Amino acid sequence: MVAFRALVATVLSGIVVLFVFGHWMDPRQLGGDLIVVLDGGADRLVRVDQFRQQFSLKQPEQLLIRCFRSPSAPQPMQELLQGYDTATQITALTDWLRRRQAQPPLRVWIATDPEHTARATLLARIALVGRGIQIQPDPPPPPSPGERRKLVRDALRMSLWRATGSTGGWLVPQAVARKRAECGL
């Protein structure tokens, strides 16, 4: 019970930080749209075209974040071969945005499975808090019952990453081991 309360307190504090400090950057200093595809499955790549058409995105920058064993994109797209799960892929995105010389995007679109979108967008919001970047789609679809547990777990991991630099993989050692093996790490 004590561990559950600590988990809830950490997640809630991350959400408070997100809303209190989430918009300090002047949006005029930001660029256009960036579509980020988490892993390269065909269904996730279809989301890129859906976003472009549905929201009339004109020439968005595109980035595929995938592990080594995931397929590369059939169309030319920047790639990061980093991350083996949602938390590590979002931290890879954050580090990539921090290191690059180009103007930060105004909006980051998370292209993934509809079931996975709520969790991935929440993690991106926690990771990118304070940068003035809008995370899309907004609002994300509601998480399924099976995703809710993962959403809370990964929100805790992302809050730990913001505080300590560790993605908290030790919280879920079996899942991390399985994901690392699937990615060939």
N, C-alpha and C. Protein backbone atom coordinates (compact mmCIF):
# COMPACT_ATOMS: atom_id res chain seq x y z
N MET A 1 0.82 -1.20 0.00
CA MET A 1 0.00 0.00 0.00
C MET A 1 0.86 1.26 0.00
N VAL A 2 1.96 1.23 0.78
CA VAL A 2 2.85 2.38 0.83
C VAL A 2 3.50 2.60 -0.53
N ALA A 3 3.91 1.50 -1.20
CA ALA A 3 4.53 1.61 -2.52
C ALA A 3 3.54 2.19 -3.53
N PHE A 4 2.28 1.76 -3.43
CA PHE A 4 1.26 2.29 -4.35
C PHE A 4 1.06 3.79 -4.13
N ARG A 5 1.01 4.22 -2.88
CA ARG A 5 0.85 5.65 -2.59
C ARG A 5 2.05 6.45 -3.10
N ALA A 6 3.25 5.91 -2.96
CA ALA A 6 4.44 6.59 -3.48
C ALA A 6 4.38 6.68 -5.00
N LEU A 7 3.92 5.61 -5.64
CA LEU A 7 3.77 5.61 -7.09
C LEU A 7 2.78 6.68 -7.54
N VAL A 8 1.63 6.72 -6.90
CA VAL A 8 0.61 7.71 -7.24
C VAL A 8 1.12 9.12 -6.99
N ALA A 9 1.80 9.34 -5.88
CA ALA A 9 2.35 10.68 -5.58
C ALA A 9 3.37 11.10 -6.62
N THR A 10 4.22 10.20 -7.05
CA THR A 10 5.22 10.53 -8.06
C THR A 10 4.57 10.88 -9.39
N VAL A 11 3.60 10.07 -9.81
CA VAL A 11 2.91 10.34 -11.07
C VAL A 11 2.17 11.67 -11.00
N LEU A 12 1.46 11.90 -9.90
CA LEU A 12 0.72 13.16 -9.76
C LEU A 12 1.67 14.35 -9.73
N SER A 13 2.82 14.22 -9.08
CA SER A 13 3.76 15.34 -9.07
C SER A 13 4.30 15.61 -10.46
N GLY A 14 4.52 14.56 -11.24
CA GLY A 14 4.95 14.75 -12.63
C GLY A 14 3.90 15.47 -13.45
N ILE A 15 2.64 15.14 -13.23
CA ILE A 15 1.55 15.80 -13.95
C ILE A 15 1.44 17.26 -13.52
N VAL A 16 1.60 17.55 -12.23
CA VAL A 16 1.56 18.94 -11.76
C VAL A 16 2.69 19.74 -12.39
N VAL A 17 3.89 19.17 -12.41
CA VAL A 17 5.02 19.86 -13.05
C VAL A 17 4.71 20.12 -14.51
N LEU A 18 4.11 19.15 -15.17
CA LEU A 18 3.75 19.29 -16.57
C LEU A 18 2.83 20.49 -16.79
N PHE A 19 1.81 20.64 -15.96
CA PHE A 19 0.87 21.73 -16.17
C PHE A 19 1.37 23.07 -15.64
N VAL A 20 2.12 23.07 -14.57
CA VAL A 20 2.60 24.33 -13.99
C VAL A 20 3.73 24.92 -14.81
N PHE A 21 4.69 24.08 -15.20
CA PHE A 21 5.88 24.58 -15.87
C PHE A 21 5.92 24.25 -17.36
N GLY A 22 4.84 23.73 -17.89
CA GLY A 22 4.86 23.20 -19.24
C GLY A 22 4.90 24.20 -20.38
N HIS A 23 4.72 25.47 -20.15
CA HIS A 23 4.62 26.40 -21.27
C HIS A 23 5.46 27.65 -21.08
N TRP A 24 6.67 27.53 -20.61
CA TRP A 24 7.49 28.71 -20.37
C TRP A 24 8.18 29.22 -21.61
N MET A 25 8.35 28.38 -22.64
CA MET A 25 9.05 28.82 -23.84
C MET A 25 8.11 29.60 -24.75
N ASP A 26 8.60 30.66 -25.35
CA ASP A 26 7.84 31.47 -26.28
C ASP A 26 7.58 30.66 -27.55
N PRO A 27 6.31 30.37 -27.90
CA PRO A 27 6.02 29.55 -29.07
C PRO A 27 6.55 30.15 -30.37
N ARG A 28 6.81 31.45 -30.41
CA ARG A 28 7.34 32.06 -31.64
C ARG A 28 8.76 31.61 -31.91
N GLN A 29 9.43 31.03 -30.91
CA GLN A 29 10.79 30.54 -31.10
C GLN A 29 10.80 29.10 -31.62
N LEU A 30 9.66 28.53 -31.87
CA LEU A 30 9.57 27.14 -32.29
C LEU A 30 9.28 27.05 -33.78
N GLY A 31 9.60 25.89 -34.35
CA GLY A 31 9.41 25.65 -35.77
C GLY A 31 8.07 25.02 -36.08
N GLY A 32 8.07 24.12 -37.07
CA GLY A 32 6.85 23.49 -37.56
C GLY A 32 6.50 22.21 -36.85
N ASP A 33 6.16 21.21 -37.65
CA ASP A 33 5.69 19.93 -37.12
C ASP A 33 6.76 18.86 -37.28
N LEU A 34 6.83 17.98 -36.30
CA LEU A 34 7.69 16.81 -36.33
C LEU A 34 6.81 15.60 -36.05
N ILE A 35 6.81 14.64 -36.98
CA ILE A 35 6.08 13.39 -36.75
C ILE A 35 7.10 12.35 -36.33
N VAL A 36 6.89 11.78 -35.15
CA VAL A 36 7.79 10.77 -34.60
C VAL A 36 7.08 9.42 -34.65
N VAL A 37 7.70 8.47 -35.34
CA VAL A 37 7.16 7.12 -35.44
C VAL A 37 7.92 6.24 -34.46
N LEU A 38 7.20 5.62 -33.53
CA LEU A 38 7.83 4.72 -32.57
C LEU A 38 7.81 3.32 -33.15
N ASP A 39 8.97 2.81 -33.49
CA ASP A 39 9.19 1.56 -34.22
C ASP A 39 8.59 1.68 -35.61
N GLY A 40 8.92 0.76 -36.46
CA GLY A 40 8.62 0.94 -37.88
C GLY A 40 7.58 0.04 -38.46
N GLY A 41 6.66 -0.47 -37.66
CA GLY A 41 5.61 -1.31 -38.22
C GLY A 41 4.78 -0.57 -39.25
N ALA A 42 4.29 -1.30 -40.25
CA ALA A 42 3.53 -0.69 -41.35
C ALA A 42 2.33 0.11 -40.83
N ASP A 43 1.63 -0.42 -39.81
CA ASP A 43 0.46 0.29 -39.29
C ASP A 43 0.85 1.63 -38.66
N ARG A 44 2.03 1.70 -38.08
CA ARG A 44 2.49 2.95 -37.48
C ARG A 44 2.92 3.94 -38.54
N LEU A 45 3.49 3.45 -39.63
CA LEU A 45 3.87 4.34 -40.73
C LEU A 45 2.64 4.90 -41.44
N VAL A 46 1.55 4.15 -41.45
CA VAL A 46 0.29 4.64 -42.03
C VAL A 46 -0.19 5.87 -41.26
N ARG A 47 0.07 5.91 -39.96
CA ARG A 47 -0.35 7.06 -39.13
C ARG A 47 0.30 8.36 -39.61
N VAL A 48 1.50 8.28 -40.17
CA VAL A 48 2.17 9.48 -40.70
C VAL A 48 1.30 10.11 -41.77
N ASP A 49 0.86 9.30 -42.73
CA ASP A 49 0.00 9.82 -43.81
C ASP A 49 -1.35 10.28 -43.28
N GLN A 50 -1.89 9.57 -42.30
CA GLN A 50 -3.16 9.99 -41.70
C GLN A 50 -3.03 11.36 -41.06
N PHE A 51 -1.97 11.58 -40.29
CA PHE A 51 -1.76 12.89 -39.68
C PHE A 51 -1.62 13.97 -40.74
N ARG A 52 -0.83 13.70 -41.75
CA ARG A 52 -0.60 14.71 -42.81
C ARG A 52 -1.91 15.10 -43.47
N GLN A 53 -2.75 14.12 -43.78
CA GLN A 53 -4.01 14.41 -44.46
C GLN A 53 -5.05 15.01 -43.52
N GLN A 54 -5.25 14.39 -42.38
CA GLN A 54 -6.30 14.80 -41.46
C GLN A 54 -6.07 16.20 -40.91
N PHE A 55 -4.81 16.56 -40.66
CA PHE A 55 -4.51 17.84 -40.03
C PHE A 55 -3.81 18.82 -40.97
N SER A 56 -3.80 18.49 -42.26
CA SER A 56 -3.20 19.36 -43.30
C SER A 56 -1.79 19.80 -42.91
N LEU A 57 -0.97 18.85 -42.52
CA LEU A 57 0.41 19.16 -42.16
C LEU A 57 1.22 19.33 -43.44
N LYS A 58 1.84 20.48 -43.58
CA LYS A 58 2.61 20.78 -44.78
C LYS A 58 4.09 20.50 -44.51
N GLN A 59 4.63 19.53 -45.19
CA GLN A 59 6.04 19.14 -45.11
C GLN A 59 6.55 18.98 -43.68
N PRO A 60 5.91 18.12 -42.90
CA PRO A 60 6.43 17.91 -41.54
C PRO A 60 7.75 17.15 -41.59
N GLU A 61 8.61 17.46 -40.66
CA GLU A 61 9.82 16.68 -40.48
C GLU A 61 9.39 15.32 -39.92
N GLN A 62 10.11 14.26 -40.27
CA GLN A 62 9.75 12.93 -39.81
C GLN A 62 10.95 12.26 -39.17
N LEU A 63 10.69 11.52 -38.10
CA LEU A 63 11.74 10.81 -37.38
C LEU A 63 11.21 9.44 -36.97
N LEU A 64 11.96 8.40 -37.30
CA LEU A 64 11.63 7.04 -36.89
C LEU A 64 12.58 6.66 -35.76
N ILE A 65 12.03 6.28 -34.62
CA ILE A 65 12.84 5.79 -33.50
C ILE A 65 12.55 4.31 -33.40
N ARG A 66 13.59 3.52 -33.61
CA ARG A 66 13.38 2.08 -33.62
C ARG A 66 14.58 1.36 -33.03
N CYS A 67 14.34 0.13 -32.61
CA CYS A 67 15.46 -0.70 -32.16
C CYS A 67 16.07 -1.37 -33.39
N PHE A 68 17.19 -2.01 -33.20
CA PHE A 68 17.96 -2.56 -34.31
C PHE A 68 17.19 -3.57 -35.15
N ARG A 69 16.36 -4.37 -34.53
CA ARG A 69 15.66 -5.44 -35.26
C ARG A 69 14.35 -4.99 -35.89
N SER A 70 13.87 -3.81 -35.56
CA SER A 70 12.63 -3.32 -36.18
C SER A 70 12.92 -2.93 -37.62
N PRO A 71 11.91 -3.03 -38.49
CA PRO A 71 12.15 -2.68 -39.89
C PRO A 71 12.38 -1.18 -40.07
N SER A 72 13.21 -0.84 -41.02
CA SER A 72 13.40 0.59 -41.33
C SER A 72 12.23 1.03 -42.20
N ALA A 73 12.09 2.33 -42.34
CA ALA A 73 10.96 2.89 -43.09
C ALA A 73 11.16 2.68 -44.59
N PRO A 74 10.09 2.38 -45.32
CA PRO A 74 10.22 2.22 -46.77
C PRO A 74 10.48 3.55 -47.48
N GLN A 75 10.07 4.66 -46.88
CA GLN A 75 10.33 5.97 -47.45
C GLN A 75 11.49 6.61 -46.70
N PRO A 76 12.19 7.54 -47.35
CA PRO A 76 13.30 8.20 -46.64
C PRO A 76 12.80 8.94 -45.39
N MET A 77 13.47 8.67 -44.29
CA MET A 77 13.08 9.27 -43.02
C MET A 77 14.30 9.23 -42.10
N GLN A 78 14.49 10.29 -41.31
CA GLN A 78 15.56 10.26 -40.31
C GLN A 78 15.27 9.13 -39.34
N GLU A 79 16.34 8.48 -38.87
CA GLU A 79 16.17 7.37 -37.95
C GLU A 79 17.07 7.52 -36.74
N LEU A 80 16.54 7.12 -35.60
CA LEU A 80 17.34 6.95 -34.38
C LEU A 80 17.27 5.48 -34.04
N LEU A 81 18.40 4.81 -33.99
CA LEU A 81 18.44 3.41 -33.61
C LEU A 81 18.71 3.35 -32.11
N GLN A 82 17.75 3.86 -31.35
CA GLN A 82 17.88 3.93 -29.90
C GLN A 82 16.54 3.56 -29.28
N GLY A 83 16.62 3.04 -28.11
CA GLY A 83 15.41 2.74 -27.36
C GLY A 83 14.86 1.38 -27.71
N TYR A 84 14.40 0.70 -26.70
CA TYR A 84 13.85 -0.64 -26.90
C TYR A 84 12.43 -0.73 -26.35
N ASP A 85 11.97 0.33 -25.71
CA ASP A 85 10.59 0.38 -25.23
C ASP A 85 10.14 1.84 -25.28
N THR A 86 8.90 2.08 -24.95
CA THR A 86 8.35 3.43 -25.09
C THR A 86 9.13 4.44 -24.27
N ALA A 87 9.45 4.12 -23.02
CA ALA A 87 10.16 5.08 -22.17
C ALA A 87 11.52 5.44 -22.75
N THR A 88 12.29 4.44 -23.19
CA THR A 88 13.63 4.74 -23.72
C THR A 88 13.56 5.40 -25.09
N GLN A 89 12.52 5.14 -25.85
CA GLN A 89 12.36 5.82 -27.14
C GLN A 89 12.01 7.30 -26.93
N ILE A 90 11.19 7.60 -25.95
CA ILE A 90 10.85 9.00 -25.67
C ILE A 90 12.07 9.75 -25.11
N THR A 91 12.86 9.09 -24.27
CA THR A 91 14.08 9.76 -23.79
C THR A 91 15.05 9.98 -24.94
N ALA A 92 15.11 9.04 -25.89
CA ALA A 92 15.96 9.23 -27.08
C ALA A 92 15.48 10.43 -27.89
N LEU A 93 14.17 10.59 -28.03
CA LEU A 93 13.61 11.75 -28.73
C LEU A 93 14.01 13.04 -28.02
N THR A 94 13.88 13.07 -26.71
CA THR A 94 14.21 14.27 -25.93
C THR A 94 15.68 14.63 -26.10
N ASP A 95 16.55 13.64 -26.01
CA ASP A 95 17.99 13.89 -26.18
C ASP A 95 18.29 14.36 -27.60
N TRP A 96 17.64 13.78 -28.60
CA TRP A 96 17.84 14.17 -30.00
C TRP A 96 17.42 15.63 -30.20
N LEU A 97 16.29 16.01 -29.64
CA LEU A 97 15.84 17.41 -29.76
C LEU A 97 16.81 18.36 -29.06
N ARG A 98 17.35 17.94 -27.95
CA ARG A 98 18.29 18.77 -27.19
C ARG A 98 19.60 18.97 -27.97
N ARG A 99 20.08 17.93 -28.64
CA ARG A 99 21.38 17.97 -29.33
C ARG A 99 21.34 18.65 -30.70
N ARG A 100 20.24 18.59 -31.38
CA ARG A 100 20.23 19.06 -32.76
C ARG A 100 20.31 20.58 -32.82
N GLN A 101 20.80 21.07 -33.94
CA GLN A 101 21.02 22.49 -34.13
C GLN A 101 19.78 23.23 -34.63
N ALA A 102 18.85 22.50 -35.22
CA ALA A 102 17.67 23.13 -35.83
C ALA A 102 16.73 23.68 -34.76
N GLN A 103 15.88 24.58 -35.21
CA GLN A 103 14.85 25.16 -34.35
C GLN A 103 13.93 24.04 -33.84
N PRO A 104 13.57 24.06 -32.55
CA PRO A 104 12.67 23.01 -32.04
C PRO A 104 11.31 23.07 -32.75
N PRO A 105 10.64 21.93 -32.87
CA PRO A 105 9.32 21.94 -33.50
C PRO A 105 8.27 22.58 -32.59
N LEU A 106 7.25 23.12 -33.21
CA LEU A 106 6.11 23.65 -32.45
C LEU A 106 5.25 22.50 -31.94
N ARG A 107 5.09 21.49 -32.81
CA ARG A 107 4.28 20.33 -32.44
C ARG A 107 5.03 19.05 -32.77
N VAL A 108 4.93 18.09 -31.85
CA VAL A 108 5.45 16.75 -32.07
C VAL A 108 4.25 15.81 -32.12
N TRP A 109 4.12 15.12 -33.23
CA TRP A 109 3.04 14.17 -33.45
C TRP A 109 3.60 12.77 -33.18
N ILE A 110 2.96 12.02 -32.29
CA ILE A 110 3.41 10.67 -31.97
C ILE A 110 2.61 9.68 -32.81
N ALA A 111 3.29 9.05 -33.76
CA ALA A 111 2.66 8.07 -34.65
C ALA A 111 2.94 6.67 -34.13
N THR A 112 1.91 6.06 -33.62
CA THR A 112 2.03 4.70 -33.08
C THR A 112 0.66 4.04 -33.18
N ASP A 113 0.52 2.87 -32.63
CA ASP A 113 -0.78 2.19 -32.64
C ASP A 113 -1.78 2.99 -31.82
N PRO A 114 -3.06 3.00 -32.22
CA PRO A 114 -4.05 3.71 -31.43
C PRO A 114 -4.06 3.29 -29.97
N GLU A 115 -3.88 2.01 -29.69
CA GLU A 115 -3.87 1.49 -28.31
C GLU A 115 -2.69 2.08 -27.51
N HIS A 116 -1.61 2.37 -28.17
CA HIS A 116 -0.37 2.81 -27.54
C HIS A 116 -0.26 4.34 -27.45
N THR A 117 -1.13 5.05 -28.15
CA THR A 117 -1.01 6.49 -28.29
C THR A 117 -1.15 7.24 -26.97
N ALA A 118 -2.09 6.86 -26.12
CA ALA A 118 -2.29 7.58 -24.85
C ALA A 118 -1.02 7.54 -24.01
N ARG A 119 -0.41 6.37 -23.91
CA ARG A 119 0.80 6.22 -23.10
C ARG A 119 1.97 6.99 -23.72
N ALA A 120 2.16 6.85 -25.01
CA ALA A 120 3.30 7.50 -25.67
C ALA A 120 3.19 9.02 -25.61
N THR A 121 1.99 9.57 -25.78
CA THR A 121 1.84 11.03 -25.72
C THR A 121 2.03 11.54 -24.30
N LEU A 122 1.55 10.81 -23.28
CA LEU A 122 1.77 11.24 -21.90
C LEU A 122 3.26 11.25 -21.58
N LEU A 123 3.97 10.21 -21.98
CA LEU A 123 5.41 10.16 -21.71
C LEU A 123 6.14 11.31 -22.41
N ALA A 124 5.74 11.60 -23.64
CA ALA A 124 6.36 12.72 -24.35
C ALA A 124 6.06 14.04 -23.65
N ARG A 125 4.86 14.20 -23.13
CA ARG A 125 4.53 15.43 -22.39
C ARG A 125 5.38 15.57 -21.14
N ILE A 126 5.56 14.48 -20.42
CA ILE A 126 6.39 14.52 -19.21
C ILE A 126 7.84 14.82 -19.58
N ALA A 127 8.35 14.16 -20.59
CA ALA A 127 9.76 14.32 -20.98
C ALA A 127 10.05 15.71 -21.53
N LEU A 128 9.12 16.29 -22.26
CA LEU A 128 9.37 17.56 -22.94
C LEU A 128 8.77 18.76 -22.22
N VAL A 129 8.34 18.59 -20.98
CA VAL A 129 7.74 19.67 -20.22
C VAL A 129 8.69 20.87 -20.18
N GLY A 130 8.14 22.05 -20.31
CA GLY A 130 8.93 23.28 -20.22
C GLY A 130 9.54 23.73 -21.52
N ARG A 131 9.35 23.00 -22.58
CA ARG A 131 9.95 23.37 -23.86
C ARG A 131 8.95 24.06 -24.79
N GLY A 132 7.71 24.15 -24.37
CA GLY A 132 6.71 24.83 -25.18
C GLY A 132 6.26 24.05 -26.40
N ILE A 133 6.60 22.79 -26.46
CA ILE A 133 6.25 21.94 -27.60
C ILE A 133 4.92 21.27 -27.32
N GLN A 134 4.01 21.38 -28.26
CA GLN A 134 2.72 20.71 -28.13
C GLN A 134 2.88 19.25 -28.57
N ILE A 135 2.33 18.34 -27.79
CA ILE A 135 2.38 16.92 -28.13
C ILE A 135 1.02 16.53 -28.69
N GLN A 136 1.03 15.96 -29.86
CA GLN A 136 -0.18 15.60 -30.57
C GLN A 136 -0.22 14.09 -30.79
N PRO A 137 -1.36 13.46 -30.96
CA PRO A 137 -2.67 14.07 -31.00
C PRO A 137 -3.14 14.50 -29.61
N ASP A 138 -3.92 15.53 -29.61
CA ASP A 138 -4.43 16.09 -28.37
C ASP A 138 -5.92 16.34 -28.53
N PRO A 139 -6.75 15.70 -27.78
CA PRO A 139 -6.42 14.69 -26.78
C PRO A 139 -6.14 13.35 -27.45
N PRO A 140 -5.31 12.54 -26.81
CA PRO A 140 -5.08 11.20 -27.35
C PRO A 140 -6.30 10.33 -27.08
N PRO A 141 -6.41 9.22 -27.78
CA PRO A 141 -7.51 8.32 -27.46
C PRO A 141 -7.36 7.80 -26.03
N PRO A 142 -8.45 7.46 -25.37
CA PRO A 142 -8.33 6.95 -23.99
C PRO A 142 -7.60 5.61 -23.99
N PRO A 143 -6.84 5.34 -22.93
CA PRO A 143 -6.14 4.05 -22.87
C PRO A 143 -7.11 2.91 -22.59
N SER A 144 -6.79 1.76 -23.12
CA SER A 144 -7.58 0.57 -22.83
C SER A 144 -7.27 0.13 -21.40
N PRO A 145 -8.09 -0.73 -20.82
CA PRO A 145 -7.79 -1.21 -19.46
C PRO A 145 -6.40 -1.85 -19.36
N GLY A 146 -5.98 -2.58 -20.38
CA GLY A 146 -4.66 -3.20 -20.36
C GLY A 146 -3.53 -2.19 -20.43
N GLU A 147 -3.77 -1.07 -21.05
CA GLU A 147 -2.75 -0.02 -21.19
C GLU A 147 -2.66 0.87 -19.95
N ARG A 148 -3.71 0.94 -19.15
CA ARG A 148 -3.71 1.84 -17.99
C ARG A 148 -2.57 1.53 -17.02
N ARG A 149 -2.35 0.25 -16.75
CA ARG A 149 -1.28 -0.15 -15.84
C ARG A 149 0.07 0.25 -16.41
N LYS A 150 0.26 0.02 -17.70
CA LYS A 150 1.52 0.41 -18.36
C LYS A 150 1.68 1.93 -18.37
N LEU A 151 0.58 2.64 -18.54
CA LEU A 151 0.63 4.10 -18.55
C LEU A 151 1.12 4.64 -17.21
N VAL A 152 0.57 4.13 -16.12
CA VAL A 152 1.00 4.57 -14.79
C VAL A 152 2.45 4.19 -14.54
N ARG A 153 2.80 2.94 -14.87
CA ARG A 153 4.17 2.46 -14.68
C ARG A 153 5.17 3.32 -15.46
N ASP A 154 4.88 3.58 -16.73
CA ASP A 154 5.82 4.33 -17.56
C ASP A 154 5.83 5.82 -17.23
N ALA A 155 4.71 6.35 -16.74
CA ALA A 155 4.70 7.74 -16.28
C ALA A 155 5.62 7.88 -15.06
N LEU A 156 5.61 6.89 -14.19
CA LEU A 156 6.54 6.87 -13.06
C LEU A 156 7.98 6.80 -13.56
N ARG A 157 8.24 5.92 -14.53
CA ARG A 157 9.59 5.80 -15.08
C ARG A 157 10.06 7.11 -15.70
N MET A 158 9.17 7.79 -16.42
CA MET A 158 9.56 9.06 -17.06
C MET A 158 9.79 10.14 -16.02
N SER A 159 9.00 10.14 -14.96
CA SER A 159 9.22 11.11 -13.87
C SER A 159 10.56 10.85 -13.20
N LEU A 160 10.91 9.58 -13.01
CA LEU A 160 12.22 9.23 -12.46
C LEU A 160 13.34 9.70 -13.39
N TRP A 161 13.15 9.53 -14.69
CA TRP A 161 14.15 9.97 -15.66
C TRP A 161 14.37 11.47 -15.56
N ARG A 162 13.29 12.22 -15.45
CA ARG A 162 13.42 13.68 -15.34
C ARG A 162 14.17 14.06 -14.06
N ALA A 163 13.95 13.31 -12.99
CA ALA A 163 14.57 13.64 -11.71
C ALA A 163 15.99 13.11 -11.57
N THR A 164 16.27 11.92 -12.16
CA THR A 164 17.55 11.27 -11.89
C THR A 164 18.38 10.94 -13.13
N GLY A 165 17.75 10.93 -14.31
CA GLY A 165 18.46 10.51 -15.51
C GLY A 165 18.34 9.02 -15.78
N SER A 166 17.71 8.27 -14.88
CA SER A 166 17.51 6.83 -15.06
C SER A 166 16.08 6.59 -15.51
N THR A 167 15.91 5.71 -16.50
CA THR A 167 14.55 5.41 -16.97
C THR A 167 13.82 4.44 -16.06
N GLY A 168 14.44 4.03 -14.98
CA GLY A 168 13.76 3.16 -14.01
C GLY A 168 13.47 1.78 -14.54
N GLY A 169 14.32 1.28 -15.44
CA GLY A 169 14.13 -0.07 -15.95
C GLY A 169 14.14 -1.12 -14.85
N TRP A 170 14.78 -0.82 -13.74
CA TRP A 170 14.82 -1.75 -12.61
C TRP A 170 13.43 -1.97 -12.00
N LEU A 171 12.48 -1.09 -12.31
CA LEU A 171 11.10 -1.28 -11.83
C LEU A 171 10.41 -2.44 -12.54
N VAL A 172 10.85 -2.71 -13.77
CA VAL A 172 10.22 -3.75 -14.60
C VAL A 172 11.29 -4.61 -15.26
N PRO A 173 12.08 -5.34 -14.47
CA PRO A 173 13.22 -6.05 -15.04
C PRO A 173 12.85 -7.11 -16.08
N GLN A 174 11.74 -7.82 -15.88
CA GLN A 174 11.36 -8.84 -16.85
C GLN A 174 10.96 -8.21 -18.19
N ALA A 175 10.19 -7.12 -18.13
CA ALA A 175 9.78 -6.45 -19.36
C ALA A 175 10.98 -5.87 -20.09
N VAL A 176 11.90 -5.28 -19.36
CA VAL A 176 13.11 -4.71 -19.97
C VAL A 176 13.94 -5.81 -20.61
N ALA A 177 14.13 -6.92 -19.92
CA ALA A 177 14.91 -8.02 -20.46
C ALA A 177 14.28 -8.56 -21.75
N ARG A 178 12.96 -8.72 -21.74
CA ARG A 178 12.24 -9.22 -22.93
C ARG A 178 12.39 -8.24 -24.09
N LYS A 179 12.17 -6.95 -23.82
CA LYS A 179 12.25 -5.93 -24.89
C LYS A 179 13.67 -5.83 -25.44
N ARG A 180 14.66 -5.87 -24.56
CA ARG A 180 16.06 -5.78 -25.00
C ARG A 180 16.40 -6.99 -25.89
N ALA A 181 15.93 -8.18 -25.51
CA ALA A 181 16.20 -9.37 -26.30
C ALA A 181 15.51 -9.27 -27.68
N GLU A 182 14.26 -8.78 -27.70
CA GLU A 182 13.55 -8.59 -28.97
C GLU A 182 14.28 -7.63 -29.90
N CYS A 183 14.96 -6.66 -29.32
CA CYS A 183 15.68 -5.65 -30.11
C CYS A 183 17.09 -6.06 -30.45
N GLY A 184 17.55 -7.20 -29.93
CA GLY A 184 18.89 -7.65 -30.23
C GLY A 184 19.96 -6.99 -29.40
N LEU A 185 19.59 -6.51 -28.23
CA LEU A 185 20.57 -5.87 -27.34
C LEU A 185 21.02 -6.81 -26.24
